[in-house]
Protein backbone atom coordinates (compact mmCIF):
# COMPACT_ATOMS: atom_id res chain seq x y z
CA UNK A 1 0.00 0.00 0.00
CA UNK A 2 1.19 3.51 -0.83
CA UNK A 3 0.69 5.91 2.08
CA UNK A 4 1.32 9.64 2.37
CA UNK A 5 3.75 9.48 5.29
CA UNK A 6 5.71 6.94 7.30
CA UNK A 7 7.34 7.96 10.58
CA UNK A 8 10.06 5.41 11.15
CA UNK A 9 12.80 4.36 13.60
CA UNK A 10 11.10 6.00 16.58
CA UNK A 11 9.47 5.13 19.88
CA UNK A 12 5.72 5.68 20.27
CA UNK A 13 3.80 6.80 23.35
CA UNK A 14 0.21 6.21 22.25
CA UNK A 15 -1.37 8.27 25.03
CA UNK A 16 -3.75 5.56 26.20
CA UNK A 17 -1.64 4.35 29.12
CA UNK A 18 0.36 1.89 27.05
CA UNK A 19 4.13 2.04 27.79
CA UNK A 20 6.36 3.43 25.01
CA UNK A 21 7.35 0.92 22.34
CA UNK A 22 9.40 0.95 19.14
CA UNK A 23 7.14 1.32 16.13
CA UNK A 24 6.51 3.05 12.85
CA UNK A 25 3.48 5.28 12.25
CA UNK A 26 1.86 5.03 8.83
CA UNK A 27 -0.37 7.91 7.75
CA UNK A 28 -2.72 8.33 4.81
CA UNK A 29 -5.38 10.94 4.05
CA UNK A 30 -4.77 12.62 7.39
CA UNK A 31 -5.44 9.48 9.42
CA UNK A 32 -3.19 6.95 11.14
CA UNK A 33 -3.49 3.63 9.29
CA UNK A 34 -0.89 1.63 11.21
CA UNK A 35 1.13 1.84 14.43
CA UNK A 36 3.72 -0.91 14.53
CA UNK A 37 5.39 -2.68 11.63
CA UNK A 38 5.34 -0.69 8.40
CA UNK A 39 6.13 -3.77 6.31
CA UNK A 40 4.07 -3.73 3.15
CA UNK A 41 3.78 0.06 3.12
CA UNK A 42 5.62 2.59 1.01
CA UNK A 43 5.17 6.33 1.31
CA UNK A 44 5.51 9.53 -0.66
CA UNK A 45 7.26 11.05 2.36
CA UNK A 46 9.21 9.66 5.31
CA UNK A 47 10.04 11.23 8.66
CA UNK A 48 13.04 9.83 10.50
CA UNK A 49 12.27 9.60 14.22
CA UNK A 50 15.53 7.99 15.29
CA UNK A 51 16.04 8.56 19.03
CA UNK A 52 12.73 10.40 19.18
CA UNK A 53 9.50 9.79 21.09
CA UNK A 54 6.27 10.28 19.14
CA UNK A 55 3.43 11.52 21.38
CA UNK A 56 -0.03 12.99 20.73
CA UNK A 57 0.14 16.69 19.94
CA UNK A 58 -1.02 19.17 22.57
CA UNK A 59 -4.41 20.88 22.41
CA UNK A 60 -4.48 24.41 23.86
CA UNK A 61 -8.15 24.96 24.66
CA UNK A 62 -8.13 28.65 25.51
CA UNK A 63 -6.11 31.51 24.13
CA UNK A 64 -6.30 34.89 22.44
CA UNK A 65 -3.70 34.25 19.79
CA UNK A 66 -2.94 37.74 18.55
CA UNK A 67 -2.16 38.94 22.07
CA UNK A 68 1.34 37.67 21.34
CA UNK A 69 1.83 41.32 20.34
CA UNK A 70 1.29 42.28 24.02
CA UNK A 71 3.92 39.89 25.39
CA UNK A 72 5.74 41.74 28.21
CA UNK A 73 3.45 44.78 27.95
CA UNK A 74 1.78 46.04 31.15
CA UNK A 75 2.97 43.23 33.41
CA UNK A 76 2.56 42.98 37.20
CA UNK A 77 -0.56 45.11 37.49
CA UNK A 78 -3.90 44.66 39.26
CA UNK A 79 -6.51 43.18 36.90
CA UNK A 80 -8.76 46.26 36.68
CA UNK A 81 -5.82 48.59 36.04
CA UNK A 82 -4.31 46.14 33.60
CA UNK A 83 -7.52 45.97 31.54
CA UNK A 84 -8.83 49.55 31.75
CA UNK A 85 -5.59 51.48 31.47
CA UNK A 86 -3.52 49.25 29.21
CA UNK A 87 -5.08 46.25 27.44
CA UNK A 88 -8.43 47.70 26.35
CA UNK A 89 -6.90 50.97 25.03
CA UNK A 90 -4.33 49.17 22.90
CA UNK A 91 -6.91 46.62 21.71
CA UNK A 92 -9.01 49.54 20.44
CA UNK A 93 -6.13 50.30 18.05
CA UNK A 94 -5.95 46.77 16.62
CA UNK A 95 -6.42 46.40 12.87
CA UNK A 96 -6.85 43.33 10.72
CA UNK A 97 -3.17 43.60 9.79
CA UNK A 98 -1.96 43.69 13.39
CA UNK A 99 -4.20 40.76 14.35
CA UNK A 100 -2.78 38.81 11.41
CA UNK A 101 0.77 39.57 12.56
CA UNK A 102 0.04 38.47 16.11
CA UNK A 103 -1.64 35.31 14.87
CA UNK A 104 1.35 34.46 12.69
CA UNK A 105 3.67 34.79 15.67
CA UNK A 106 1.31 32.69 17.76
CA UNK A 107 0.94 29.77 15.35
CA UNK A 108 4.69 29.77 14.77
CA UNK A 109 5.26 29.45 18.52
CA UNK A 110 2.63 26.72 18.76
CA UNK A 111 4.17 24.60 16.03
CA UNK A 112 7.62 25.00 17.58
CA UNK A 113 6.31 24.01 21.02
CA UNK A 114 4.22 20.98 20.08
CA UNK A 115 0.65 22.29 19.92
CA UNK A 116 -1.39 20.75 17.10
CA UNK A 117 -4.82 22.28 17.83
CA UNK A 118 -6.19 25.23 19.79
CA UNK A 119 -9.29 27.22 20.67
CA UNK A 120 -9.14 30.97 20.10
CA UNK A 121 -11.44 33.88 20.82
CA UNK A 122 -10.62 37.38 19.62
CA UNK A 123 -11.26 40.00 16.93
CA UNK A 124 -10.74 40.06 13.13
CA UNK A 125 -11.09 36.29 13.24
CA UNK A 126 -11.19 35.97 9.46
CA UNK A 127 -7.51 36.95 9.51
CA UNK A 128 -6.81 34.34 12.19
CA UNK A 129 -8.58 31.70 10.10
CA UNK A 130 -6.40 32.50 7.08
CA UNK A 131 -3.26 32.26 9.21
CA UNK A 132 -4.35 28.89 10.61
CA UNK A 133 -5.04 27.64 7.09
CA UNK A 134 -1.55 28.68 6.00
CA UNK A 135 0.19 27.24 9.08
CA UNK A 136 -1.56 23.87 8.87
CA UNK A 137 -2.84 23.63 12.46
CA UNK A 138 -6.31 22.68 13.68
CA UNK A 139 -8.35 25.35 15.45
CA UNK A 140 -11.73 26.13 16.95
CA UNK A 141 -12.20 29.84 16.37
CA UNK A 142 -14.75 32.32 17.68
CA UNK A 143 -15.35 36.04 17.38
CA UNK A 144 -15.29 37.50 20.91
CA UNK A 145 -18.66 39.17 21.53
CA UNK A 146 -19.11 41.82 24.24
CA UNK A 147 -22.62 43.22 24.59
CA UNK A 148 -22.61 45.02 27.99
CA UNK A 149 -26.42 44.98 28.17
CA UNK A 150 -26.71 47.29 25.14
CA UNK A 151 -29.43 45.96 22.83
CA UNK A 152 -28.14 47.63 19.66
CA UNK A 153 -24.58 46.61 20.37
CA UNK A 154 -25.86 43.11 21.04
CA UNK A 155 -27.49 42.91 17.61
CA UNK A 156 -24.26 44.00 15.95
CA UNK A 157 -22.15 41.52 17.93
CA UNK A 158 -24.51 38.65 17.19
CA UNK A 159 -24.35 39.43 13.47
CA UNK A 160 -20.54 39.42 13.52
CA UNK A 161 -20.47 36.16 15.43
CA UNK A 162 -23.06 34.57 13.13
CA UNK A 163 -21.29 35.72 9.96
CA UNK A 164 -18.01 34.27 11.16
CA UNK A 165 -19.58 30.91 12.06
CA UNK A 166 -21.37 30.59 8.75
CA UNK A 167 -18.34 31.63 6.69
CA UNK A 168 -15.63 29.62 8.45
CA UNK A 169 -17.09 26.50 10.06
CA UNK A 170 -15.39 23.62 8.24
CA UNK A 171 -12.83 25.93 6.61
CA UNK A 172 -9.31 24.83 5.63
CA UNK A 173 -10.41 21.33 4.59
CA UNK A 174 -12.23 20.90 7.90
CA UNK A 175 -9.27 21.76 10.13
CA UNK A 176 -11.08 24.88 11.33
CA UNK A 177 -14.28 24.74 13.36
CA UNK A 178 -16.16 27.92 14.16
CA UNK A 179 -17.78 28.57 17.54
CA UNK A 180 -19.80 31.36 19.09
CA UNK A 181 -17.73 33.39 21.55
CA UNK A 182 -19.69 35.46 24.08
CA UNK A 183 -16.97 36.92 26.28
CA UNK A 184 -18.32 36.24 29.78
CA UNK A 185 -21.48 36.52 31.94
CA UNK A 186 -20.19 39.79 33.40
CA UNK A 187 -19.85 41.40 29.94
CA UNK A 188 -22.87 39.74 28.31
CA UNK A 189 -26.40 39.79 29.71
CA UNK A 190 -28.31 36.54 30.28
CA UNK A 191 -30.76 37.58 27.57
CA UNK A 192 -27.87 37.97 25.13
CA UNK A 193 -26.39 34.61 26.16
CA UNK A 194 -29.70 32.89 25.47
CA UNK A 195 -29.76 34.43 21.99
CA UNK A 196 -26.27 33.02 21.46
CA UNK A 197 -27.57 29.66 22.67
CA UNK A 198 -30.34 29.73 20.06
CA UNK A 199 -27.89 30.52 17.25
CA UNK A 200 -25.44 27.82 18.34
CA UNK A 201 -28.24 25.25 18.40
CA UNK A 202 -29.45 26.36 14.98
CA UNK A 203 -25.97 26.25 13.43
CA UNK A 204 -24.86 23.08 15.23
CA UNK A 205 -21.68 24.62 16.65
CA UNK A 206 -20.20 25.04 20.11
CA UNK A 207 -19.79 28.03 22.42
CA UNK A 208 -16.52 29.31 23.93
CA UNK A 209 -16.90 31.54 27.00
CA UNK A 210 -14.99 32.82 30.04
CA UNK A 211 -16.74 31.62 33.19
CA UNK A 212 -16.18 32.56 36.85
CA UNK A 213 -12.61 33.65 36.28
CA UNK A 214 -12.54 36.09 39.18
CA UNK A 215 -14.02 36.50 42.64
CA UNK A 216 -15.67 39.71 41.46
CA UNK A 217 -17.56 37.77 38.79
CA UNK A 218 -18.59 35.24 41.44
CA UNK A 219 -20.06 38.03 43.57
CA UNK A 220 -21.89 39.52 40.58
CA UNK A 221 -23.51 36.21 39.70
CA UNK A 222 -24.32 35.35 43.30
CA UNK A 223 -23.68 32.17 45.27
CA UNK A 224 -25.87 30.00 43.02
CA UNK A 225 -25.27 32.15 39.98
CA UNK A 226 -24.65 29.36 37.50
CA UNK A 227 -28.27 28.28 37.98
CA UNK A 228 -29.18 31.45 36.11
CA UNK A 229 -27.28 30.03 33.13
CA UNK A 230 -28.83 26.58 33.29
CA UNK A 231 -30.59 26.98 29.94
CA UNK A 232 -27.39 28.24 28.33
CA UNK A 233 -25.07 25.49 29.56
CA UNK A 234 -24.86 22.34 27.42
CA UNK A 235 -22.24 19.79 26.42
CA UNK A 236 -21.11 21.99 23.52
CA UNK A 237 -19.92 24.76 25.90
CA UNK A 238 -16.19 25.25 26.46
CA UNK A 239 -15.85 27.28 29.66
CA UNK A 240 -12.48 28.90 30.30
CA UNK A 241 -11.01 29.39 33.80
CA UNK A 242 -13.87 28.30 36.13
CA UNK A 243 -11.78 29.36 39.13
CA UNK A 244 -14.60 30.31 41.51
CA UNK A 245 -16.86 27.28 41.26
CA UNK A 246 -18.89 26.09 44.23
CA UNK A 247 -19.51 22.38 44.77
CA UNK A 248 -23.03 22.80 43.38
CA UNK A 249 -21.58 24.58 40.33
CA UNK A 250 -19.36 21.58 39.65
CA UNK A 251 -22.35 19.28 39.92
CA UNK A 252 -24.19 21.46 37.40
CA UNK A 253 -21.26 21.31 34.97
CA UNK A 254 -21.24 17.53 35.27
CA UNK A 255 -24.99 17.37 34.70
CA UNK A 256 -24.77 19.59 31.60
CA UNK A 257 -21.60 18.04 30.21
CA UNK A 258 -19.80 21.40 30.06
CA UNK A 259 -16.10 21.21 29.10
CA UNK A 260 -13.66 23.26 31.22
CA UNK A 261 -10.39 24.84 30.07
CA UNK A 262 -8.00 25.29 33.00
CA UNK A 263 -5.54 28.20 32.64
CA UNK A 264 -3.23 28.02 35.68
CA UNK A 265 -0.45 30.38 34.58
CA UNK A 266 -2.79 33.22 33.66
CA UNK A 267 -4.81 32.64 36.84
CA UNK A 268 -1.64 32.92 38.92
CA UNK A 269 -0.25 35.94 37.11
CA UNK A 270 -3.48 37.93 37.48
CA UNK A 271 -4.04 36.55 41.00
CA UNK A 272 -7.46 35.25 39.95
CA UNK A 273 -7.22 32.18 42.15
CA UNK A 274 -6.69 28.42 41.88
CA UNK A 275 -9.36 26.31 40.21
CA UNK A 276 -10.66 23.09 41.80
CA UNK A 277 -9.19 20.87 39.10
CA UNK A 278 -8.85 17.82 41.35
CA UNK A 279 -12.51 17.98 42.35
CA UNK A 280 -13.70 18.55 38.78
CA UNK A 281 -11.75 15.55 37.51
CA UNK A 282 -13.03 13.40 40.36
CA UNK A 283 -16.62 14.32 39.52
CA UNK A 284 -16.11 13.54 35.85
CA UNK A 285 -15.81 16.99 34.29
CA UNK A 286 -13.77 16.97 31.05
CA UNK A 287 -10.99 19.37 32.08
CA UNK A 288 -8.41 20.42 29.51
CA UNK A 289 -5.58 22.96 29.56
CA UNK A 290 -5.19 26.42 28.05
CA UNK A 291 -2.46 29.03 28.18
CA UNK A 292 -4.71 32.08 27.78
CA UNK A 293 -3.24 35.00 25.82
CA UNK A 294 0.36 36.14 25.94
CA UNK A 295 -0.61 39.33 27.77
CA UNK A 296 -1.35 37.24 30.85
CA UNK A 297 0.95 34.23 30.53
CA UNK A 298 3.40 35.31 28.64
CA UNK A 299 3.80 32.41 26.23
CA UNK A 300 1.92 29.54 24.60
CA UNK A 301 4.03 26.83 26.24
CA UNK A 302 1.92 23.79 27.07
CA UNK A 303 4.85 22.06 28.81
CA UNK A 304 5.10 24.76 31.46
CA UNK A 305 1.33 24.91 31.75
CA UNK A 306 1.13 21.16 32.38
CA UNK A 307 3.71 21.38 35.14
CA UNK A 308 1.90 24.29 36.78
CA UNK A 309 -1.38 22.38 36.58
CA UNK A 310 0.01 19.44 38.53
CA UNK A 311 2.01 21.39 41.09
CA UNK A 312 -0.73 23.91 41.90
CA UNK A 313 -3.20 21.19 42.81
CA UNK A 314 -0.65 19.36 44.94
CA UNK A 315 0.15 22.45 47.01
CA UNK A 316 -3.49 23.56 47.17
CA UNK A 317 -4.53 20.22 48.65
CA UNK A 318 -1.18 19.55 50.36
CA UNK A 319 -1.16 16.16 48.66
CA UNK A 320 1.70 15.01 46.39
CA UNK A 321 -0.54 12.28 44.94
CA UNK A 322 -3.14 14.75 43.67
CA UNK A 323 -3.43 15.45 39.93
CA UNK A 324 -0.81 13.08 38.58
CA UNK A 325 1.40 13.51 35.53
CA UNK A 326 -0.75 10.92 33.74
CA UNK A 327 -3.92 12.91 34.43
CA UNK A 328 -2.33 16.19 33.35
CA UNK A 329 -0.90 14.71 30.14
CA UNK A 330 -4.40 13.47 29.25
CA UNK A 331 -5.79 16.93 29.99
CA UNK A 332 -3.33 18.45 27.51
CA UNK A 333 -4.01 15.89 24.79
CA UNK A 334 -7.09 13.63 24.81
CA UNK A 335 -9.29 15.86 27.01
CA UNK A 336 -8.38 18.85 24.88
CA UNK A 337 -9.33 17.00 21.72
CA UNK A 338 -12.64 15.92 23.27
CA UNK A 339 -13.32 19.52 24.26
CA UNK A 340 -12.90 20.67 20.66
CA UNK A 341 -14.73 17.70 19.19
CA UNK A 342 -11.77 16.34 17.21
CA UNK A 343 -10.68 12.70 16.91
CA UNK A 344 -7.13 13.31 18.13
CA UNK A 345 -5.21 12.79 21.36
CA UNK A 346 -4.16 9.16 20.89
CA UNK A 347 -1.74 7.65 18.38
CA UNK A 348 -3.85 4.78 17.13
CA UNK A 349 -5.20 3.38 13.88
CA UNK A 350 -8.19 5.38 12.66
CA UNK A 351 -7.36 8.52 14.68
CA UNK A 352 -6.24 11.88 13.28
CA UNK A 353 -2.54 12.01 12.48
CA UNK A 354 -1.81 14.83 14.94
CA UNK A 355 1.39 14.12 16.85
CA UNK A 356 4.82 15.47 17.71
CA UNK A 357 8.27 13.95 18.09
CA UNK A 358 10.37 14.72 21.17
CA UNK A 359 14.16 14.45 21.37
CA UNK A 360 15.10 11.41 23.45
CA UNK A 361 18.72 12.59 23.60
CA UNK A 362 17.68 15.78 25.42
CA UNK A 363 19.09 16.04 28.92
CA UNK A 364 15.53 16.78 30.07
CA UNK A 365 14.24 13.46 28.71
CA UNK A 366 17.00 11.29 30.20
CA UNK A 367 16.79 8.77 31.75
CA UNK A 368 13.42 7.50 30.54
CA UNK A 369 12.11 5.91 33.73
CA UNK A 370 8.68 7.40 33.04
CA UNK A 371 8.04 9.11 29.71
CA UNK A 372 4.87 10.89 30.84
CA UNK A 373 6.55 12.26 33.97
CA UNK A 374 9.45 13.53 31.90
CA UNK A 375 7.06 15.29 29.52
CA UNK A 376 4.99 16.94 32.29
CA UNK A 377 7.69 17.79 34.83
CA UNK A 378 10.89 18.16 32.84
CA UNK A 379 10.57 18.70 29.09
CA UNK A 380 10.34 22.10 27.39
CA UNK A 381 9.44 23.35 23.90
CA UNK A 382 13.13 23.03 22.98
CA UNK A 383 12.67 19.25 23.04
CA UNK A 384 10.13 19.23 20.19
CA UNK A 385 11.82 18.02 17.00
CA UNK A 386 8.93 17.53 14.58
CA UNK A 387 5.22 18.31 14.36
CA UNK A 388 2.60 16.53 12.24
CA UNK A 389 -1.01 17.73 11.87
CA UNK A 390 -3.64 16.12 9.66
CA UNK A 391 -0.85 13.92 8.30
CA UNK A 392 1.19 16.89 7.09
CA UNK A 393 4.69 17.57 8.43
CA UNK A 394 4.57 21.16 9.71
CA UNK A 395 8.00 21.03 11.35
CA UNK A 396 10.91 18.72 10.57
CA UNK A 397 14.16 18.68 12.57
CA UNK A 398 13.06 21.86 14.40
CA UNK A 399 12.48 23.80 11.16
CA UNK A 400 8.93 25.07 10.57
CA UNK A 401 8.03 24.26 6.97
CA UNK A 402 4.72 26.08 6.51
CA UNK A 403 5.83 29.56 7.60
CA UNK A 404 8.84 31.74 6.86
CA UNK A 405 10.22 32.98 10.19
CA UNK A 406 11.77 36.12 8.69
CA UNK A 407 8.41 37.11 7.20
CA UNK A 408 6.70 36.51 10.55
CA UNK A 409 9.25 38.74 12.30
CA UNK A 410 8.83 41.49 9.70
CA UNK A 411 5.04 41.55 10.09
CA UNK A 412 5.27 41.57 13.89
CA UNK A 413 7.77 44.43 13.95
CA UNK A 414 5.57 46.54 11.65
CA UNK A 415 2.47 45.85 13.73
CA UNK A 416 4.15 46.69 17.04
CA UNK A 417 5.53 49.93 15.63
CA UNK A 418 2.00 51.08 14.75
CA UNK A 419 0.38 49.94 18.00
CA UNK A 420 2.74 51.30 20.64
C-alpha cells in the first residue's frame, strides 16, 4: 500500500496508558493507518524519528492568539488597572493587519512548542482563520462578543459572530471549526447569552466563553449564579477558567456536560485564584488545559502549563498524589481533543494524524524511567523536534516548513511599531 507518510525508527507513546514501544506510524489521508510494523507500506514522504518519542500533539483549549503582540506589555498590574488602562486601550487600536501579525507569531510558537490544535477567541477572526489555514494547524475559532447589556450593540455583535460561524465553520479542509464566543457573563447579559444559545443550536456549533474567572464575577452572579445560566449550559460549551466554582456549580457542569479549560499560569499571574481541578476531575468533568493569551501568561508553552497544573493542585490540597502527571498529560491531549470535538489525542489506527516527536537525547528526557513524567515535569518546547497535523509535516528537525520565520518577524515588527 502507498501511504502519504511513514514515521520510522522511533518510539511511540500512544497516550492511552500503554508504555512506550518501538514502532513506525503510517499515515494516509490525514489518518493513522498503522502503528507498529510498516512492512508492506511505502510512502511519498518519510520522517526519520531515530532517538525520538512520538506523542499525541497538545491541544491548547483557551487563548487569544494575537495577544502575542502584548507579550511583556503592562505586566505585574492589578486586573482592573491592567484591563482599563492598558489592554483595552491598545486593543481599540488593533487592525486586521496587526491581528494577522500576532496570529502568525502565535501559530509559529505553537508549532515549535508541540501544539497541534487550539481554541481561540478574539477580533478580526477571518484573519486568524487565514493564518491557521496557511500554518496547517487545527483550530476552533470564535469572534469574541461583548454586549454590555446594550441591545443595539448586542445585535451588531450577534451578526458578527453569526457571519463568522457561517463563513468559516469547516474551513481549511475541515481543520477549522467555528464557535460562538460570548466573552463572559459579566460582559454579556443573560438575555444575550440565550440568543447566542439559540444561534449555536441552529448552526450546530459550540460556544466558547470565560466563566467565573474572578471572585468579582462570582459576587456579581451570586452564590448559586450558574443556575441562572442553566438553559445556556450544554455539552457543547467550552468554559475557560472556572476558578470560583462552588460544589453545586461543579455538579451542574457535570450534569450539563460542560467542558472546562483550565488556565493556571494566567490565573496565577493575574491573581485570579486556583481552580478546583482535582474535584472537577473526580466528579467527571472533562478538564483540559489552556495558556490564555500572551498578555497574561506570557507564552503559549503547554509544557510549562502542564507542570503548573500538577504542582498547583498538589500544594493547594497539600497532597503530592493529587493530579498526577498521567492525568495532566491526558488533559493536555485527549481531554483537549474531546473539548474541541476532534478525533485526536491518541496515536492509534483510525485517529487523526496529529502528533509530535520529542528528542530522546535531550538532557531533560533522560533517563526514561517514566516518559509521561518527563514530559509533564521536565521537558520544554526546545525538546520538540517535529510536528505533524492532519498527516502533514509542519516542522521537521526543528524547522517550521509552513511559515517563513523572517516574514513573521517582519510583520510583527511593523504591527508593534504602529500599535505602541
